[in-house]
Amino acid sequence: MNDSVAKIIDQQAATRGEQTFLISPDSNQHLSYAELRNSAQEIAGHLQSMGFQKGENIALLMNNGIWTAKLFLGVMYSGRVVLPLNAVSG
């Protein structure tokens, strides 16, 4: 599959919109495809405004959860590379 993460998120948001993409088992929060796209676009904008270039590595040290999933996918959506560091992994 040659589609980018951004293209796939945009397509799913366009066709599935308010359908649930993710449910956080910890908090029972629901994230729709449209909310995921909006979050990813916001994260991409922040990374751009901070001067990060496409293809650059972005390390994330976070616990598991819905915010981590949003950041992970937002970084990939922006064309940057995620280097996940898990605070609870041992």
PDB file of N, CA and C in Angstrom:
ATOM      1  N   MET A   1       0.846  -1.180   0.000  1.00  0.00           N
ATOM      2  CA  MET A   1       0.000   0.000   0.000  1.00  0.00           C
ATOM      3  C   MET A   1       0.894   1.246   0.000  1.00  0.00           C
ATOM      4  N   ASN A   2       0.685   2.128  -0.945  1.00  0.00           N
ATOM      5  CA  ASN A   2       1.518   3.313  -1.096  1.00  0.00           C
ATOM      6  C   ASN A   2       0.887   4.575  -0.521  1.00  0.00           C
ATOM      7  N   ASP A   3      -0.268   4.463   0.095  1.00  0.00           N
ATOM      8  CA  ASP A   3      -0.938   5.642   0.639  1.00  0.00           C
ATOM      9  C   ASP A   3      -0.219   6.124   1.902  1.00  0.00           C
ATOM     10  N   SER A   4      -0.145   7.421   2.046  1.00  0.00           N
ATOM     11  CA  SER A   4       0.450   7.996   3.241  1.00  0.00           C
ATOM     12  C   SER A   4      -0.546   7.933   4.398  1.00  0.00           C
ATOM     13  N   VAL A   5      -0.029   8.050   5.601  1.00  0.00           N
ATOM     14  CA  VAL A   5      -0.889   8.073   6.784  1.00  0.00           C
ATOM     15  C   VAL A   5      -1.874   9.239   6.671  1.00  0.00           C
ATOM     16  N   ALA A   6      -1.405  10.391   6.228  1.00  0.00           N
ATOM     17  CA  ALA A   6      -2.285  11.554   6.096  1.00  0.00           C
ATOM     18  C   ALA A   6      -3.426  11.277   5.125  1.00  0.00           C
ATOM     19  N   LYS A   7      -3.104  10.681   4.009  1.00  0.00           N
ATOM     20  CA  LYS A   7      -4.139  10.395   3.008  1.00  0.00           C
ATOM     21  C   LYS A   7      -5.168   9.411   3.563  1.00  0.00           C
ATOM     22  N   ILE A   8      -4.714   8.396   4.265  1.00  0.00           N
ATOM     23  CA  ILE A   8      -5.634   7.403   4.832  1.00  0.00           C
ATOM     24  C   ILE A   8      -6.521   8.040   5.902  1.00  0.00           C
ATOM     25  N   ILE A   9      -5.933   8.837   6.786  1.00  0.00           N
ATOM     26  CA  ILE A   9      -6.733   9.509   7.826  1.00  0.00           C
ATOM     27  C   ILE A   9      -7.748  10.442   7.181  1.00  0.00           C
ATOM     28  N   ASP A  10      -7.326  11.207   6.187  1.00  0.00           N
ATOM     29  CA  ASP A  10      -8.250  12.123   5.505  1.00  0.00           C
ATOM     30  C   ASP A  10      -9.389  11.367   4.817  1.00  0.00           C
ATOM     31  N   GLN A  11      -9.068  10.266   4.148  1.00  0.00           N
ATOM     32  CA  GLN A  11     -10.099   9.464   3.473  1.00  0.00           C
ATOM     33  C   GLN A  11     -11.092   8.885   4.484  1.00  0.00           C
ATOM     34  N   GLN A  12     -10.586   8.348   5.581  1.00  0.00           N
ATOM     35  CA  GLN A  12     -11.469   7.759   6.586  1.00  0.00           C
ATOM     36  C   GLN A  12     -12.339   8.820   7.256  1.00  0.00           C
ATOM     37  N   ALA A  13     -11.773   9.994   7.504  1.00  0.00           N
ATOM     38  CA  ALA A  13     -12.559  11.081   8.095  1.00  0.00           C
ATOM     39  C   ALA A  13     -13.661  11.529   7.139  1.00  0.00           C
ATOM     40  N   ALA A  14     -13.360  11.532   5.840  1.00  0.00           N
ATOM     41  CA  ALA A  14     -14.350  11.947   4.841  1.00  0.00           C
ATOM     42  C   ALA A  14     -15.479  10.931   4.711  1.00  0.00           C
ATOM     43  N   THR A  15     -15.162   9.656   4.841  1.00  0.00           N
ATOM     44  CA  THR A  15     -16.186   8.625   4.635  1.00  0.00           C
ATOM     45  C   THR A  15     -16.828   8.138   5.932  1.00  0.00           C
ATOM     46  N   ARG A  16     -16.106   8.205   7.030  1.00  0.00           N
ATOM     47  CA  ARG A  16     -16.632   7.680   8.298  1.00  0.00           C
ATOM     48  C   ARG A  16     -16.898   8.756   9.341  1.00  0.00           C
ATOM     49  N   GLY A  17     -16.369   9.934   9.144  1.00  0.00           N
ATOM     50  CA  GLY A  17     -16.621  11.097   9.986  1.00  0.00           C
ATOM     51  C   GLY A  17     -16.773  10.854  11.469  1.00  0.00           C
ATOM     52  N   GLU A  18     -18.004  10.786  11.911  1.00  0.00           N
ATOM     53  CA  GLU A  18     -18.297  10.689  13.344  1.00  0.00           C
ATOM     54  C   GLU A  18     -18.291   9.256  13.883  1.00  0.00           C
ATOM     55  N   GLN A  19     -17.995   8.280  13.038  1.00  0.00           N
ATOM     56  CA  GLN A  19     -17.873   6.906  13.541  1.00  0.00           C
ATOM     57  C   GLN A  19     -16.648   6.805  14.442  1.00  0.00           C
ATOM     58  N   THR A  20     -16.692   5.885  15.367  1.00  0.00           N
ATOM     59  CA  THR A  20     -15.607   5.726  16.327  1.00  0.00           C
ATOM     60  C   THR A  20     -14.397   5.070  15.688  1.00  0.00           C
ATOM     61  N   PHE A  21     -13.255   5.734  15.853  1.00  0.00           N
ATOM     62  CA  PHE A  21     -11.971   5.188  15.423  1.00  0.00           C
ATOM     63  C   PHE A  21     -11.308   4.439  16.573  1.00  0.00           C
ATOM     64  N   LEU A  22     -11.383   5.004  17.799  1.00  0.00           N
ATOM     65  CA  LEU A  22     -10.645   4.466  18.935  1.00  0.00           C
ATOM     66  C   LEU A  22     -11.445   4.668  20.216  1.00  0.00           C
ATOM     67  N   ILE A  23     -11.406   3.661  21.077  1.00  0.00           N
ATOM     68  CA  ILE A  23     -11.976   3.775  22.420  1.00  0.00           C
ATOM     69  C   ILE A  23     -10.844   3.513  23.399  1.00  0.00           C
ATOM     70  N   SER A  24     -10.612   4.439  24.305  1.00  0.00           N
ATOM     71  CA  SER A  24      -9.574   4.274  25.309  1.00  0.00           C
ATOM     72  C   SER A  24     -10.091   3.364  26.414  1.00  0.00           C
ATOM     73  N   PRO A  25      -9.436   2.228  26.655  1.00  0.00           N
ATOM     74  CA  PRO A  25      -9.912   1.334  27.709  1.00  0.00           C
ATOM     75  C   PRO A  25      -9.769   1.937  29.103  1.00  0.00           C
ATOM     76  N   ASP A  26      -8.819   2.852  29.293  1.00  0.00           N
ATOM     77  CA  ASP A  26      -8.608   3.459  30.613  1.00  0.00           C
ATOM     78  C   ASP A  26      -9.713   4.445  30.982  1.00  0.00           C
ATOM     79  N   SER A  27     -10.091   5.275  30.035  1.00  0.00           N
ATOM     80  CA  SER A  27     -11.021   6.360  30.338  1.00  0.00           C
ATOM     81  C   SER A  27     -12.368   6.214  29.644  1.00  0.00           C
ATOM     82  N   ASN A  28     -12.493   5.223  28.759  1.00  0.00           N
ATOM     83  CA  ASN A  28     -13.692   5.014  27.954  1.00  0.00           C
ATOM     84  C   ASN A  28     -13.975   6.203  27.029  1.00  0.00           C
ATOM     85  N   GLN A  29     -12.962   7.028  26.753  1.00  0.00           N
ATOM     86  CA  GLN A  29     -13.112   8.123  25.790  1.00  0.00           C
ATOM     87  C   GLN A  29     -13.196   7.539  24.398  1.00  0.00           C
ATOM     88  N   HIS A  30     -14.024   8.153  23.576  1.00  0.00           N
ATOM     89  CA  HIS A  30     -14.162   7.762  22.184  1.00  0.00           C
ATOM     90  C   HIS A  30     -13.539   8.838  21.307  1.00  0.00           C
ATOM     91  N   LEU A  31     -12.865   8.415  20.250  1.00  0.00           N
ATOM     92  CA  LEU A  31     -12.264   9.325  19.288  1.00  0.00           C
ATOM     93  C   LEU A  31     -12.807   8.966  17.912  1.00  0.00           C
ATOM     94  N   SER A  32     -13.460   9.917  17.268  1.00  0.00           N
ATOM     95  CA  SER A  32     -14.005   9.659  15.933  1.00  0.00           C
ATOM     96  C   SER A  32     -12.925   9.871  14.878  1.00  0.00           C
ATOM     97  N   TYR A  33     -13.213   9.428  13.668  1.00  0.00           N
ATOM     98  CA  TYR A  33     -12.288   9.636  12.557  1.00  0.00           C
ATOM     99  C   TYR A  33     -12.097  11.125  12.284  1.00  0.00           C
ATOM    100  N   ALA A  34     -13.169  11.893  12.368  1.00  0.00           N
ATOM    101  CA  ALA A  34     -13.072  13.343  12.144  1.00  0.00           C
ATOM    102  C   ALA A  34     -12.243  14.003  13.240  1.00  0.00           C
ATOM    103  N   GLU A  35     -12.439  13.595  14.483  1.00  0.00           N
ATOM    104  CA  GLU A  35     -11.649  14.142  15.584  1.00  0.00           C
ATOM    105  C   GLU A  35     -10.170  13.781  15.429  1.00  0.00           C
ATOM    106  N   LEU A  36      -9.906  12.565  14.971  1.00  0.00           N
ATOM    107  CA  LEU A  36      -8.527  12.152  14.724  1.00  0.00           C
ATOM    108  C   LEU A  36      -7.895  13.052  13.663  1.00  0.00           C
ATOM    109  N   ARG A  37      -8.598  13.288  12.563  1.00  0.00           N
ATOM    110  CA  ARG A  37      -8.064  14.155  11.507  1.00  0.00           C
ATOM    111  C   ARG A  37      -7.805  15.563  12.028  1.00  0.00           C
ATOM    112  N   ASN A  38      -8.757  16.111  12.778  1.00  0.00           N
ATOM    113  CA  ASN A  38      -8.586  17.461  13.313  1.00  0.00           C
ATOM    114  C   ASN A  38      -7.389  17.539  14.254  1.00  0.00           C
ATOM    115  N   SER A  39      -7.248  16.545  15.095  1.00  0.00           N
ATOM    116  CA  SER A  39      -6.117  16.482  16.024  1.00  0.00           C
ATOM    117  C   SER A  39      -4.807  16.357  15.265  1.00  0.00           C
ATOM    118  N   ALA A  40      -4.781  15.488  14.249  1.00  0.00           N
ATOM    119  CA  ALA A  40      -3.563  15.282  13.456  1.00  0.00           C
ATOM    120  C   ALA A  40      -3.166  16.563  12.730  1.00  0.00           C
ATOM    121  N   GLN A  41      -4.139  17.282  12.199  1.00  0.00           N
ATOM    122  CA  GLN A  41      -3.850  18.543  11.510  1.00  0.00           C
ATOM    123  C   GLN A  41      -3.301  19.580  12.484  1.00  0.00           C
ATOM    124  N   GLU A  42      -3.850  19.616  13.693  1.00  0.00           N
ATOM    125  CA  GLU A  42      -3.380  20.556  14.709  1.00  0.00           C
ATOM    126  C   GLU A  42      -1.938  20.229  15.119  1.00  0.00           C
ATOM    127  N   ILE A  43      -1.662  18.959  15.339  1.00  0.00           N
ATOM    128  CA  ILE A  43      -0.306  18.536  15.711  1.00  0.00           C
ATOM    129  C   ILE A  43       0.670  18.846  14.582  1.00  0.00           C
ATOM    130  N   ALA A  44       0.279  18.575  13.349  1.00  0.00           N
ATOM    131  CA  ALA A  44       1.131  18.874  12.189  1.00  0.00           C
ATOM    132  C   ALA A  44       1.446  20.368  12.129  1.00  0.00           C
ATOM    133  N   GLY A  45       0.456  21.189  12.392  1.00  0.00           N
ATOM    134  CA  GLY A  45       0.669  22.637  12.395  1.00  0.00           C
ATOM    135  C   GLY A  45       1.636  23.077  13.478  1.00  0.00           C
ATOM    136  N   HIS A  46       1.504  22.489  14.657  1.00  0.00           N
ATOM    137  CA  HIS A  46       2.415  22.829  15.758  1.00  0.00           C
ATOM    138  C   HIS A  46       3.848  22.433  15.419  1.00  0.00           C
ATOM    139  N   LEU A  47       4.020  21.240  14.875  1.00  0.00           N
ATOM    140  CA  LEU A  47       5.374  20.785  14.521  1.00  0.00           C
ATOM    141  C   LEU A  47       5.984  21.694  13.459  1.00  0.00           C
ATOM    142  N   GLN A  48       5.174  22.089  12.479  1.00  0.00           N
ATOM    143  CA  GLN A  48       5.647  22.995  11.431  1.00  0.00           C
ATOM    144  C   GLN A  48       6.056  24.330  12.033  1.00  0.00           C
ATOM    145  N   SER A  49       5.216  24.875  12.921  1.00  0.00           N
ATOM    146  CA  SER A  49       5.514  26.183  13.511  1.00  0.00           C
ATOM    147  C   SER A  49       6.739  26.135  14.429  1.00  0.00           C
ATOM    148  N   MET A  50       7.061  24.957  14.935  1.00  0.00           N
ATOM    149  CA  MET A  50       8.239  24.796  15.785  1.00  0.00           C
ATOM    150  C   MET A  50       9.508  24.573  14.963  1.00  0.00           C
ATOM    151  N   GLY A  51       9.357  24.469  13.640  1.00  0.00           N
ATOM    152  CA  GLY A  51      10.513  24.351  12.777  1.00  0.00           C
ATOM    153  C   GLY A  51      10.946  22.934  12.441  1.00  0.00           C
ATOM    154  N   PHE A  52      10.172  21.939  12.841  1.00  0.00           N
ATOM    155  CA  PHE A  52      10.510  20.565  12.494  1.00  0.00           C
ATOM    156  C   PHE A  52      10.237  20.336  11.008  1.00  0.00           C
ATOM    157  N   GLN A  53      11.191  19.738  10.324  1.00  0.00           N
ATOM    158  CA  GLN A  53      11.072  19.469   8.898  1.00  0.00           C
ATOM    159  C   GLN A  53      10.451  18.095   8.660  1.00  0.00           C
ATOM    160  N   LYS A  54       9.807  17.931   7.528  1.00  0.00           N
ATOM    161  CA  LYS A  54       9.264  16.615   7.163  1.00  0.00           C
ATOM    162  C   LYS A  54      10.414  15.620   7.106  1.00  0.00           C
ATOM    163  N   GLY A  55      10.159  14.407   7.591  1.00  0.00           N
ATOM    164  CA  GLY A  55      11.167  13.363   7.622  1.00  0.00           C
ATOM    165  C   GLY A  55      11.999  13.356   8.894  1.00  0.00           C
ATOM    166  N   GLU A  56      11.900  14.414   9.701  1.00  0.00           N
ATOM    167  CA  GLU A  56      12.656  14.457  10.958  1.00  0.00           C
ATOM    168  C   GLU A  56      12.062  13.487  11.968  1.00  0.00           C
ATOM    169  N   ASN A  57      12.915  13.043  12.889  1.00  0.00           N
ATOM    170  CA  ASN A  57      12.498  12.152  13.969  1.00  0.00           C
ATOM    171  C   ASN A  57      11.935  12.967  15.124  1.00  0.00           C
ATOM    172  N   ILE A  58      10.832  12.486  15.677  1.00  0.00           N
ATOM    173  CA  ILE A  58      10.201  13.106  16.843  1.00  0.00           C
ATOM    174  C   ILE A  58      10.056  12.013  17.902  1.00  0.00           C
ATOM    175  N   ALA A  59      10.766  12.155  19.025  1.00  0.00           N
ATOM    176  CA  ALA A  59      10.675  11.176  20.101  1.00  0.00           C
ATOM    177  C   ALA A  59       9.530  11.555  21.038  1.00  0.00           C
ATOM    178  N   LEU A  60       8.766  10.549  21.441  1.00  0.00           N
ATOM    179  CA  LEU A  60       7.658  10.746  22.369  1.00  0.00           C
ATOM    180  C   LEU A  60       7.851   9.820  23.563  1.00  0.00           C
ATOM    181  N   LEU A  61       7.855  10.383  24.756  1.00  0.00           N
ATOM    182  CA  LEU A  61       7.914   9.595  25.989  1.00  0.00           C
ATOM    183  C   LEU A  61       6.615   9.848  26.730  1.00  0.00           C
ATOM    184  N   MET A  62       5.697   8.901  26.600  1.00  0.00           N
ATOM    185  CA  MET A  62       4.378   9.069  27.198  1.00  0.00           C
ATOM    186  C   MET A  62       3.843   7.721  27.650  1.00  0.00           C
ATOM    187  N   ASN A  63       2.906   7.779  28.566  1.00  0.00           N
ATOM    188  CA  ASN A  63       2.182   6.573  28.957  1.00  0.00           C
ATOM    189  C   ASN A  63       1.205   6.201  27.848  1.00  0.00           C
ATOM    190  N   ASN A  64       0.681   4.999  27.917  1.00  0.00           N
ATOM    191  CA  ASN A  64      -0.346   4.581  26.967  1.00  0.00           C
ATOM    192  C   ASN A  64      -1.615   5.376  27.214  1.00  0.00           C
ATOM    193  N   GLY A  65      -2.357   5.634  26.167  1.00  0.00           N
ATOM    194  CA  GLY A  65      -3.619   6.342  26.306  1.00  0.00           C
ATOM    195  C   GLY A  65      -4.023   7.013  25.016  1.00  0.00           C
ATOM    196  N   ILE A  66      -5.193   7.624  25.048  1.00  0.00           N
ATOM    197  CA  ILE A  66      -5.753   8.228  23.836  1.00  0.00           C
ATOM    198  C   ILE A  66      -4.899   9.397  23.350  1.00  0.00           C
ATOM    199  N   TRP A  67      -4.341  10.196  24.270  1.00  0.00           N
ATOM    200  CA  TRP A  67      -3.516  11.333  23.864  1.00  0.00           C
ATOM    201  C   TRP A  67      -2.248  10.841  23.169  1.00  0.00           C
ATOM    202  N   THR A  68      -1.686   9.738  23.652  1.00  0.00           N
ATOM    203  CA  THR A  68      -0.501   9.166  23.018  1.00  0.00           C
ATOM    204  C   THR A  68      -0.826   8.700  21.599  1.00  0.00           C
ATOM    205  N   ALA A  69      -1.961   8.057  21.425  1.00  0.00           N
ATOM    206  CA  ALA A  69      -2.372   7.610  20.087  1.00  0.00           C
ATOM    207  C   ALA A  69      -2.555   8.805  19.159  1.00  0.00           C
ATOM    208  N   LYS A  70      -3.158   9.886  19.662  1.00  0.00           N
ATOM    209  CA  LYS A  70      -3.352  11.084  18.849  1.00  0.00           C
ATOM    210  C   LYS A  70      -2.011  11.702  18.446  1.00  0.00           C
ATOM    211  N   LEU A  71      -1.077  11.773  19.388  1.00  0.00           N
ATOM    212  CA  LEU A  71       0.239  12.323  19.072  1.00  0.00           C
ATOM    213  C   LEU A  71       0.989  11.447  18.072  1.00  0.00           C
ATOM    214  N   PHE A  72       0.969  10.143  18.311  1.00  0.00           N
ATOM    215  CA  PHE A  72       1.659   9.190  17.439  1.00  0.00           C
ATOM    216  C   PHE A  72       1.174   9.348  16.001  1.00  0.00           C
ATOM    217  N   LEU A  73      -0.137   9.322  15.819  1.00  0.00           N
ATOM    218  CA  LEU A  73      -0.708   9.436  14.480  1.00  0.00           C
ATOM    219  C   LEU A  73      -0.553  10.853  13.912  1.00  0.00           C
ATOM    220  N   GLY A  74      -0.615  11.861  14.773  1.00  0.00           N
ATOM    221  CA  GLY A  74      -0.428  13.236  14.318  1.00  0.00           C
ATOM    222  C   GLY A  74       0.970  13.491  13.779  1.00  0.00           C
ATOM    223  N   VAL A  75       1.968  12.930  14.445  1.00  0.00           N
ATOM    224  CA  VAL A  75       3.345  13.066  13.968  1.00  0.00           C
ATOM    225  C   VAL A  75       3.496  12.387  12.605  1.00  0.00           C
ATOM    226  N   MET A  76       2.956  11.173  12.484  1.00  0.00           N
ATOM    227  CA  MET A  76       3.033  10.477  11.195  1.00  0.00           C
ATOM    228  C   MET A  76       2.248  11.224  10.128  1.00  0.00           C
ATOM    229  N   TYR A  77       1.092  11.757  10.488  1.00  0.00           N
ATOM    230  CA  TYR A  77       0.271  12.536   9.560  1.00  0.00           C
ATOM    231  C   TYR A  77       1.069  13.710   9.003  1.00  0.00           C
ATOM    232  N   SER A  78       1.915  14.295   9.849  1.00  0.00           N
ATOM    233  CA  SER A  78       2.684  15.478   9.467  1.00  0.00           C
ATOM    234  C   SER A  78       3.874  15.159   8.568  1.00  0.00           C
ATOM    235  N   GLY A  79       4.145  13.878   8.351  1.00  0.00           N
ATOM    236  CA  GLY A  79       5.274  13.501   7.496  1.00  0.00           C
ATOM    237  C   GLY A  79       6.579  13.371   8.251  1.00  0.00           C
ATOM    238  N   ARG A  80       6.478  13.332   9.569  1.00  0.00           N
ATOM    239  CA  ARG A  80       7.665  13.138  10.391  1.00  0.00           C
ATOM    240  C   ARG A  80       7.682  11.704  10.923  1.00  0.00           C
ATOM    241  N   VAL A  81       8.772  11.313  11.552  1.00  0.00           N
ATOM    242  CA  VAL A  81       8.958   9.930  11.994  1.00  0.00           C
ATOM    243  C   VAL A  81       8.852   9.869  13.517  1.00  0.00           C
ATOM    244  N   VAL A  82       8.027   8.955  14.012  1.00  0.00           N
ATOM    245  CA  VAL A  82       7.846   8.776  15.452  1.00  0.00           C
ATOM    246  C   VAL A  82       8.903   7.829  16.003  1.00  0.00           C
ATOM    247  N   LEU A  83       9.538   8.266  17.089  1.00  0.00           N
ATOM    248  CA  LEU A  83      10.428   7.409  17.861  1.00  0.00           C
ATOM    249  C   LEU A  83       9.751   7.203  19.212  1.00  0.00           C
ATOM    250  N   PRO A  84       8.944   6.130  19.359  1.00  0.00           N
ATOM    251  CA  PRO A  84       8.183   5.959  20.596  1.00  0.00           C
ATOM    252  C   PRO A  84       9.064   5.459  21.739  1.00  0.00           C
ATOM    253  N   LEU A  85       8.923   6.125  22.874  1.00  0.00           N
ATOM    254  CA  LEU A  85       9.565   5.714  24.110  1.00  0.00           C
ATOM    255  C   LEU A  85       8.445   5.488  25.119  1.00  0.00           C
ATOM    256  N   ASN A  86       8.315   4.282  25.639  1.00  0.00           N
ATOM    257  CA  ASN A  86       7.198   3.971  26.529  1.00  0.00           C
ATOM    258  C   ASN A  86       7.657   4.048  27.972  1.00  0.00           C
ATOM    259  N   ALA A  87       7.032   4.937  28.734  1.00  0.00           N
ATOM    260  CA  ALA A  87       7.403   5.166  30.118  1.00  0.00           C
ATOM    261  C   ALA A  87       7.084   3.980  31.020  1.00  0.00           C
ATOM    262  N   VAL A  88       6.181   3.121  30.621  1.00  0.00           N
ATOM    263  CA  VAL A  88       5.798   1.986  31.470  1.00  0.00           C
ATOM    264  C   VAL A  88       6.366   0.663  30.986  1.00  0.00           C
ATOM    265  N   SER A  89       7.085   0.681  29.894  1.00  0.00           N
ATOM    266  CA  SER A  89       7.676  -0.547  29.370  1.00  0.00           C
ATOM    267  C   SER A  89       8.988  -0.812  30.084  1.00  0.00           C
ATOM    268  N   GLY A  90       9.228  -2.082  30.375  1.00  0.00           N
ATOM    269  CA  GLY A  90      10.454  -2.363  31.108  1.00  0.00           C
ATOM    270  C   GLY A  90      11.272  -3.401  30.578  1.00  0.00           C
TER     271      GLY A  90
END
